[in-house]
Amino acid sequence: MHELSIANGIVEMCAECAGDARVIRVRLEIGRLSAVLPDAVRFCFDVCARNTVVEGAELEIVETQGLALCRDCNHEVPMAALVGRCTCGSANLRVIAGEELRIKDMELA
């Protein structure tokens, strides 16, 4: 479960940035094509946050849709998986959104 190491990294980064302040809320952006399970991150986040300035913080996860650009017709194609086809029939796609995994912001007390 790589979500445990991801959650641990998020907690460590938030704690480092917060210094002595208490973290009240963390907002993450997780792309649907990132192969990261939001529910697993949520569970692991609470475990990793214990005994840190992040403990008790609300975790808000914003899931971003997958989107690709067709290299043949330049059409944007919604993606539910990393493999897909454009309406023109081409599979020559470049993913432009949906692989994100980032801390958008955090609220401190």
N, C-alpha and C. Protein backbone atom coordinates (compact mmCIF):
# COMPACT_ATOMS: atom_id res chain seq x y z
N MET A 1 0.85 -1.18 0.00
CA MET A 1 0.00 0.00 0.00
C MET A 1 0.89 1.24 0.00
N HIS A 2 1.08 1.83 -1.18
CA HIS A 2 1.94 3.01 -1.28
C HIS A 2 1.28 4.26 -0.71
N GLU A 3 -0.01 4.19 -0.45
CA GLU A 3 -0.70 5.34 0.14
C GLU A 3 -0.16 5.67 1.54
N LEU A 4 0.34 4.67 2.26
CA LEU A 4 0.91 4.92 3.59
C LEU A 4 2.13 5.81 3.48
N SER A 5 3.02 5.53 2.56
CA SER A 5 4.21 6.38 2.40
C SER A 5 3.84 7.75 1.85
N ILE A 6 2.82 7.80 1.01
CA ILE A 6 2.35 9.09 0.49
C ILE A 6 1.78 9.93 1.63
N ALA A 7 0.92 9.33 2.45
CA ALA A 7 0.33 10.05 3.58
C ALA A 7 1.41 10.50 4.56
N ASN A 8 2.38 9.65 4.81
CA ASN A 8 3.47 10.00 5.71
C ASN A 8 4.25 11.20 5.16
N GLY A 9 4.51 11.21 3.88
CA GLY A 9 5.21 12.33 3.25
C GLY A 9 4.40 13.62 3.35
N ILE A 10 3.10 13.53 3.18
CA ILE A 10 2.23 14.70 3.28
C ILE A 10 2.26 15.25 4.70
N VAL A 11 2.14 14.37 5.68
CA VAL A 11 2.17 14.81 7.08
C VAL A 11 3.51 15.46 7.39
N GLU A 12 4.60 14.85 6.95
CA GLU A 12 5.93 15.41 7.21
C GLU A 12 6.09 16.80 6.59
N MET A 13 5.64 16.97 5.34
CA MET A 13 5.75 18.27 4.69
C MET A 13 4.90 19.32 5.40
N CYS A 14 3.68 18.94 5.77
CA CYS A 14 2.80 19.89 6.46
C CYS A 14 3.38 20.27 7.82
N ALA A 15 3.89 19.31 8.56
CA ALA A 15 4.48 19.59 9.87
C ALA A 15 5.70 20.49 9.74
N GLU A 16 6.51 20.24 8.74
CA GLU A 16 7.70 21.06 8.52
C GLU A 16 7.32 22.51 8.18
N CYS A 17 6.35 22.67 7.32
CA CYS A 17 5.92 24.02 6.93
C CYS A 17 5.20 24.75 8.06
N ALA A 18 4.50 23.99 8.92
CA ALA A 18 3.71 24.60 10.00
C ALA A 18 4.59 25.08 11.15
N GLY A 19 5.76 24.49 11.30
CA GLY A 19 6.62 24.86 12.43
C GLY A 19 5.94 24.51 13.74
N ASP A 20 5.74 25.50 14.60
CA ASP A 20 5.09 25.28 15.89
C ASP A 20 3.57 25.46 15.84
N ALA A 21 3.05 25.90 14.71
CA ALA A 21 1.61 26.12 14.57
C ALA A 21 0.89 24.79 14.43
N ARG A 22 -0.37 24.78 14.79
CA ARG A 22 -1.21 23.59 14.66
C ARG A 22 -1.86 23.59 13.27
N VAL A 23 -1.86 22.46 12.61
CA VAL A 23 -2.50 22.34 11.30
C VAL A 23 -3.97 21.98 11.53
N ILE A 24 -4.86 22.79 10.98
CA ILE A 24 -6.30 22.58 11.16
C ILE A 24 -6.91 21.86 9.96
N ARG A 25 -6.42 22.19 8.77
CA ARG A 25 -6.99 21.59 7.55
C ARG A 25 -5.91 21.48 6.49
N VAL A 26 -5.95 20.37 5.76
CA VAL A 26 -5.05 20.15 4.63
C VAL A 26 -5.93 19.82 3.44
N ARG A 27 -5.66 20.51 2.32
CA ARG A 27 -6.42 20.22 1.10
C ARG A 27 -5.47 19.60 0.08
N LEU A 28 -5.80 18.38 -0.34
CA LEU A 28 -5.01 17.65 -1.33
C LEU A 28 -5.74 17.61 -2.65
N GLU A 29 -4.97 17.57 -3.70
CA GLU A 29 -5.51 17.38 -5.04
C GLU A 29 -4.96 16.04 -5.52
N ILE A 30 -5.87 15.11 -5.80
CA ILE A 30 -5.48 13.78 -6.27
C ILE A 30 -6.17 13.52 -7.60
N GLY A 31 -5.39 13.28 -8.62
CA GLY A 31 -5.93 13.00 -9.94
C GLY A 31 -6.46 11.58 -10.03
N ARG A 32 -7.52 11.43 -10.77
CA ARG A 32 -8.13 10.10 -10.92
C ARG A 32 -7.25 9.12 -11.70
N LEU A 33 -6.25 9.63 -12.40
CA LEU A 33 -5.34 8.77 -13.15
C LEU A 33 -4.04 8.52 -12.39
N SER A 34 -3.96 8.97 -11.15
CA SER A 34 -2.71 8.91 -10.39
C SER A 34 -2.42 7.56 -9.75
N ALA A 35 -3.37 6.65 -9.76
CA ALA A 35 -3.24 5.33 -9.11
C ALA A 35 -3.11 5.46 -7.60
N VAL A 36 -3.65 6.55 -7.04
CA VAL A 36 -3.67 6.76 -5.60
C VAL A 36 -5.12 6.72 -5.15
N LEU A 37 -5.41 5.90 -4.14
CA LEU A 37 -6.78 5.76 -3.65
C LEU A 37 -7.06 6.77 -2.55
N PRO A 38 -7.95 7.73 -2.79
CA PRO A 38 -8.24 8.77 -1.80
C PRO A 38 -8.65 8.23 -0.43
N ASP A 39 -9.48 7.19 -0.39
CA ASP A 39 -9.91 6.65 0.91
C ASP A 39 -8.74 6.05 1.68
N ALA A 40 -7.82 5.42 0.99
CA ALA A 40 -6.64 4.85 1.65
C ALA A 40 -5.74 5.96 2.17
N VAL A 41 -5.59 7.04 1.41
CA VAL A 41 -4.79 8.18 1.87
C VAL A 41 -5.44 8.78 3.11
N ARG A 42 -6.76 8.91 3.10
CA ARG A 42 -7.48 9.48 4.24
C ARG A 42 -7.23 8.65 5.51
N PHE A 43 -7.34 7.34 5.39
CA PHE A 43 -7.11 6.46 6.54
C PHE A 43 -5.66 6.57 7.02
N CYS A 44 -4.73 6.50 6.10
CA CYS A 44 -3.31 6.55 6.45
C CYS A 44 -2.91 7.92 7.01
N PHE A 45 -3.53 8.97 6.52
CA PHE A 45 -3.24 10.33 6.98
C PHE A 45 -3.49 10.43 8.49
N ASP A 46 -4.62 9.93 8.95
CA ASP A 46 -4.94 9.99 10.38
C ASP A 46 -3.93 9.21 11.21
N VAL A 47 -3.51 8.07 10.71
CA VAL A 47 -2.52 7.25 11.42
C VAL A 47 -1.18 7.97 11.47
N CYS A 48 -0.73 8.51 10.35
CA CYS A 48 0.57 9.18 10.27
C CYS A 48 0.60 10.50 11.05
N ALA A 49 -0.55 11.14 11.21
CA ALA A 49 -0.62 12.44 11.87
C ALA A 49 -0.56 12.35 13.40
N ARG A 50 -0.72 11.16 13.95
CA ARG A 50 -0.71 11.01 15.41
C ARG A 50 0.56 11.57 16.01
N ASN A 51 0.39 12.29 17.11
CA ASN A 51 1.50 12.88 17.87
C ASN A 51 2.33 13.88 17.08
N THR A 52 1.69 14.55 16.11
CA THR A 52 2.35 15.62 15.35
C THR A 52 1.45 16.85 15.40
N VAL A 53 1.93 17.97 14.87
CA VAL A 53 1.11 19.18 14.81
C VAL A 53 -0.04 19.03 13.82
N VAL A 54 -0.04 17.94 13.07
CA VAL A 54 -1.08 17.68 12.07
C VAL A 54 -2.23 16.84 12.66
N GLU A 55 -2.02 16.26 13.83
CA GLU A 55 -3.04 15.41 14.44
C GLU A 55 -4.36 16.17 14.59
N GLY A 56 -5.44 15.53 14.16
CA GLY A 56 -6.77 16.13 14.25
C GLY A 56 -7.14 17.04 13.10
N ALA A 57 -6.21 17.26 12.19
CA ALA A 57 -6.49 18.14 11.05
C ALA A 57 -7.52 17.49 10.12
N GLU A 58 -8.38 18.31 9.56
CA GLU A 58 -9.34 17.85 8.57
C GLU A 58 -8.60 17.67 7.25
N LEU A 59 -8.82 16.54 6.62
CA LEU A 59 -8.21 16.28 5.31
C LEU A 59 -9.29 16.41 4.26
N GLU A 60 -9.13 17.37 3.38
CA GLU A 60 -10.06 17.57 2.28
C GLU A 60 -9.37 17.11 1.00
N ILE A 61 -9.99 16.20 0.31
CA ILE A 61 -9.40 15.67 -0.93
C ILE A 61 -10.25 16.11 -2.11
N VAL A 62 -9.61 16.77 -3.06
CA VAL A 62 -10.26 17.21 -4.29
C VAL A 62 -9.75 16.28 -5.40
N GLU A 63 -10.67 15.53 -6.00
CA GLU A 63 -10.28 14.63 -7.08
C GLU A 63 -10.40 15.35 -8.42
N THR A 64 -9.33 15.30 -9.20
CA THR A 64 -9.35 15.93 -10.52
C THR A 64 -9.63 14.88 -11.59
N GLN A 65 -10.36 15.28 -12.59
CA GLN A 65 -10.73 14.40 -13.70
C GLN A 65 -9.53 14.14 -14.60
N GLY A 66 -9.53 13.01 -15.24
CA GLY A 66 -8.51 12.71 -16.25
C GLY A 66 -8.86 13.40 -17.56
N LEU A 67 -7.84 13.94 -18.20
CA LEU A 67 -8.05 14.64 -19.47
C LEU A 67 -6.81 14.44 -20.33
N ALA A 68 -7.02 14.18 -21.60
CA ALA A 68 -5.92 13.99 -22.53
C ALA A 68 -6.14 14.86 -23.76
N LEU A 69 -5.06 15.08 -24.48
CA LEU A 69 -5.11 15.83 -25.72
C LEU A 69 -4.74 14.87 -26.85
N CYS A 70 -5.59 14.81 -27.87
CA CYS A 70 -5.32 13.95 -29.02
C CYS A 70 -4.23 14.61 -29.86
N ARG A 71 -3.16 13.87 -30.10
CA ARG A 71 -2.05 14.40 -30.88
C ARG A 71 -2.37 14.46 -32.38
N ASP A 72 -3.43 13.76 -32.78
CA ASP A 72 -3.79 13.74 -34.20
C ASP A 72 -4.77 14.84 -34.59
N CYS A 73 -5.79 15.07 -33.73
CA CYS A 73 -6.80 16.08 -34.10
C CYS A 73 -6.87 17.25 -33.12
N ASN A 74 -6.04 17.21 -32.08
CA ASN A 74 -5.95 18.29 -31.08
C ASN A 74 -7.22 18.44 -30.25
N HIS A 75 -8.02 17.39 -30.15
CA HIS A 75 -9.26 17.40 -29.37
C HIS A 75 -8.96 16.97 -27.93
N GLU A 76 -9.60 17.62 -26.95
CA GLU A 76 -9.47 17.19 -25.56
C GLU A 76 -10.41 16.03 -25.30
N VAL A 77 -9.88 14.99 -24.64
CA VAL A 77 -10.62 13.76 -24.42
C VAL A 77 -10.69 13.46 -22.92
N PRO A 78 -11.90 13.34 -22.34
CA PRO A 78 -12.01 12.92 -20.94
C PRO A 78 -11.47 11.50 -20.79
N MET A 79 -10.74 11.26 -19.70
CA MET A 79 -10.11 9.95 -19.49
C MET A 79 -10.54 9.37 -18.15
N ALA A 80 -10.99 8.12 -18.17
CA ALA A 80 -11.31 7.40 -16.93
C ALA A 80 -10.19 6.45 -16.56
N ALA A 81 -9.30 6.18 -17.53
CA ALA A 81 -8.15 5.30 -17.33
C ALA A 81 -7.00 5.85 -18.18
N LEU A 82 -5.81 5.33 -17.97
CA LEU A 82 -4.64 5.84 -18.70
C LEU A 82 -4.64 5.46 -20.18
N VAL A 83 -5.48 4.51 -20.56
CA VAL A 83 -5.59 4.11 -21.96
C VAL A 83 -6.96 4.52 -22.47
N GLY A 84 -7.01 5.13 -23.63
CA GLY A 84 -8.29 5.55 -24.17
C GLY A 84 -8.19 5.87 -25.65
N ARG A 85 -9.29 6.33 -26.19
CA ARG A 85 -9.36 6.71 -27.59
C ARG A 85 -10.08 8.03 -27.73
N CYS A 86 -9.67 8.78 -28.70
CA CYS A 86 -10.35 10.03 -29.06
C CYS A 86 -11.58 9.70 -29.89
N THR A 87 -12.47 10.64 -30.02
CA THR A 87 -13.65 10.43 -30.87
C THR A 87 -13.26 10.26 -32.34
N CYS A 88 -12.05 10.73 -32.71
CA CYS A 88 -11.58 10.54 -34.10
C CYS A 88 -11.06 9.11 -34.32
N GLY A 89 -10.96 8.34 -33.22
CA GLY A 89 -10.49 6.96 -33.33
C GLY A 89 -9.03 6.77 -32.95
N SER A 90 -8.31 7.83 -32.78
CA SER A 90 -6.89 7.76 -32.46
C SER A 90 -6.66 7.39 -30.99
N ALA A 91 -5.61 6.62 -30.76
CA ALA A 91 -5.16 6.30 -29.40
C ALA A 91 -3.89 7.09 -29.08
N ASN A 92 -3.53 8.02 -29.95
CA ASN A 92 -2.32 8.83 -29.79
C ASN A 92 -2.64 10.02 -28.88
N LEU A 93 -2.74 9.74 -27.57
CA LEU A 93 -3.19 10.73 -26.60
C LEU A 93 -2.06 11.11 -25.65
N ARG A 94 -2.08 12.36 -25.23
CA ARG A 94 -1.13 12.86 -24.22
C ARG A 94 -1.95 13.33 -23.02
N VAL A 95 -1.72 12.71 -21.86
CA VAL A 95 -2.45 13.08 -20.65
C VAL A 95 -2.05 14.49 -20.23
N ILE A 96 -3.05 15.34 -20.00
CA ILE A 96 -2.77 16.73 -19.59
C ILE A 96 -3.33 17.05 -18.20
N ALA A 97 -4.16 16.16 -17.65
CA ALA A 97 -4.70 16.37 -16.30
C ALA A 97 -5.14 15.03 -15.74
N GLY A 98 -5.10 14.93 -14.42
CA GLY A 98 -5.60 13.73 -13.77
C GLY A 98 -4.52 12.90 -13.10
N GLU A 99 -3.26 13.26 -13.27
CA GLU A 99 -2.17 12.52 -12.62
C GLU A 99 -1.62 13.27 -11.41
N GLU A 100 -2.29 14.35 -11.02
CA GLU A 100 -1.81 15.21 -9.94
C GLU A 100 -1.85 14.50 -8.58
N LEU A 101 -0.92 14.86 -7.76
CA LEU A 101 -0.92 14.50 -6.35
C LEU A 101 -0.15 15.63 -5.65
N ARG A 102 -0.90 16.58 -5.11
CA ARG A 102 -0.23 17.74 -4.50
C ARG A 102 -1.04 18.29 -3.34
N ILE A 103 -0.30 18.94 -2.46
CA ILE A 103 -0.92 19.67 -1.37
C ILE A 103 -1.32 21.03 -1.94
N LYS A 104 -2.61 21.30 -1.99
CA LYS A 104 -3.08 22.59 -2.53
C LYS A 104 -2.85 23.69 -1.52
N ASP A 105 -3.25 23.44 -0.28
CA ASP A 105 -3.03 24.42 0.79
C ASP A 105 -3.30 23.78 2.13
N MET A 106 -2.96 24.53 3.18
CA MET A 106 -3.28 24.06 4.53
C MET A 106 -3.62 25.26 5.40
N GLU A 107 -4.44 25.02 6.38
CA GLU A 107 -4.87 26.07 7.30
C GLU A 107 -4.21 25.82 8.65
N LEU A 108 -3.65 26.88 9.22
CA LEU A 108 -2.94 26.78 10.50
C LEU A 108 -3.66 27.55 11.58
N ALA A 109 -3.43 27.15 12.82
CA ALA A 109 -4.00 27.88 13.96
C ALA A 109 -2.88 28.59 14.69
